[in-house]
Amino acid sequence: MARDPREVMEYDVLVVGAGPSGLSAAIRLKQLANEAGQELS
């Protein structure tokens, strides 16, 4: 039986948790990336 190929997704950052701390970290990381002229995924 052949294995199904797995989809691979690459991210710069993974924020775990949807609470206030996770949201705050995601916003700050996006601000820093924008200041540096970088894309963030």
C-alpha atoms as a PDB file:
ATOM      1  CA  MET A   1       0.000   0.000   0.000  1.00  0.00           C
ATOM      2  CA  ALA A   2       1.479   3.339  -1.072  1.00  0.00           C
ATOM      3  CA  ARG A   3       1.698   6.143   1.433  1.00  0.00           C
ATOM      4  CA  ASP A   4      -0.063   9.398   0.700  1.00  0.00           C
ATOM      5  CA  PRO A   5       2.388  12.258   0.231  1.00  0.00           C
ATOM      6  CA  ARG A   6       2.237  14.677   3.104  1.00  0.00           C
ATOM      7  CA  GLU A   7       1.767  18.347   2.608  1.00  0.00           C
ATOM      8  CA  VAL A   8       4.555  20.435   4.080  1.00  0.00           C
ATOM      9  CA  MET A   9       4.028  24.023   5.130  1.00  0.00           C
ATOM     10  CA  GLU A  10       6.906  26.193   6.273  1.00  0.00           C
ATOM     11  CA  TYR A  11       6.358  28.994   8.754  1.00  0.00           C
ATOM     12  CA  ASP A  12       8.658  31.592  10.259  1.00  0.00           C
ATOM     13  CA  VAL A  13       6.830  31.510  13.589  1.00  0.00           C
ATOM     14  CA  LEU A  14       4.214  29.316  15.213  1.00  0.00           C
ATOM     15  CA  VAL A  15       2.230  30.917  18.031  1.00  0.00           C
ATOM     16  CA  VAL A  16       0.507  28.287  20.132  1.00  0.00           C
ATOM     17  CA  GLY A  17      -2.532  29.472  22.018  1.00  0.00           C
ATOM     18  CA  ALA A  18      -5.254  31.907  21.138  1.00  0.00           C
ATOM     19  CA  GLY A  19      -5.337  33.834  24.385  1.00  0.00           C
ATOM     20  CA  PRO A  20      -4.214  37.405  24.999  1.00  0.00           C
ATOM     21  CA  SER A  21      -0.526  36.432  25.234  1.00  0.00           C
ATOM     22  CA  GLY A  22      -0.554  34.605  21.903  1.00  0.00           C
ATOM     23  CA  LEU A  23      -2.334  37.471  20.179  1.00  0.00           C
ATOM     24  CA  SER A  24       0.049  40.002  21.692  1.00  0.00           C
ATOM     25  CA  ALA A  25       3.073  37.975  20.558  1.00  0.00           C
ATOM     26  CA  ALA A  26       1.698  37.638  17.012  1.00  0.00           C
ATOM     27  CA  ILE A  27       1.004  41.374  16.746  1.00  0.00           C
ATOM     28  CA  ARG A  28       4.463  42.299  18.063  1.00  0.00           C
ATOM     29  CA  LEU A  29       6.203  39.868  15.705  1.00  0.00           C
ATOM     30  CA  LYS A  30       4.259  41.340  12.769  1.00  0.00           C
ATOM     31  CA  GLN A  31       5.232  44.872  13.831  1.00  0.00           C
ATOM     32  CA  LEU A  32       8.914  43.894  14.041  1.00  0.00           C
ATOM     33  CA  ALA A  33       8.781  42.230  10.625  1.00  0.00           C
ATOM     34  CA  ASN A  34       7.156  45.309   9.100  1.00  0.00           C
ATOM     35  CA  GLU A  35       9.807  47.579  10.638  1.00  0.00           C
ATOM     36  CA  ALA A  36      12.520  45.353   9.155  1.00  0.00           C
ATOM     37  CA  GLY A  37      10.773  45.268   5.758  1.00  0.00           C
ATOM     38  CA  GLN A  38      10.317  41.503   5.981  1.00  0.00           C
ATOM     39  CA  GLU A  39       7.391  39.216   5.239  1.00  0.00           C
ATOM     40  CA  LEU A  40       6.297  36.967   8.093  1.00  0.00           C
ATOM     41  CA  SER A  41       4.257  33.815   7.801  1.00  0.00           C
END
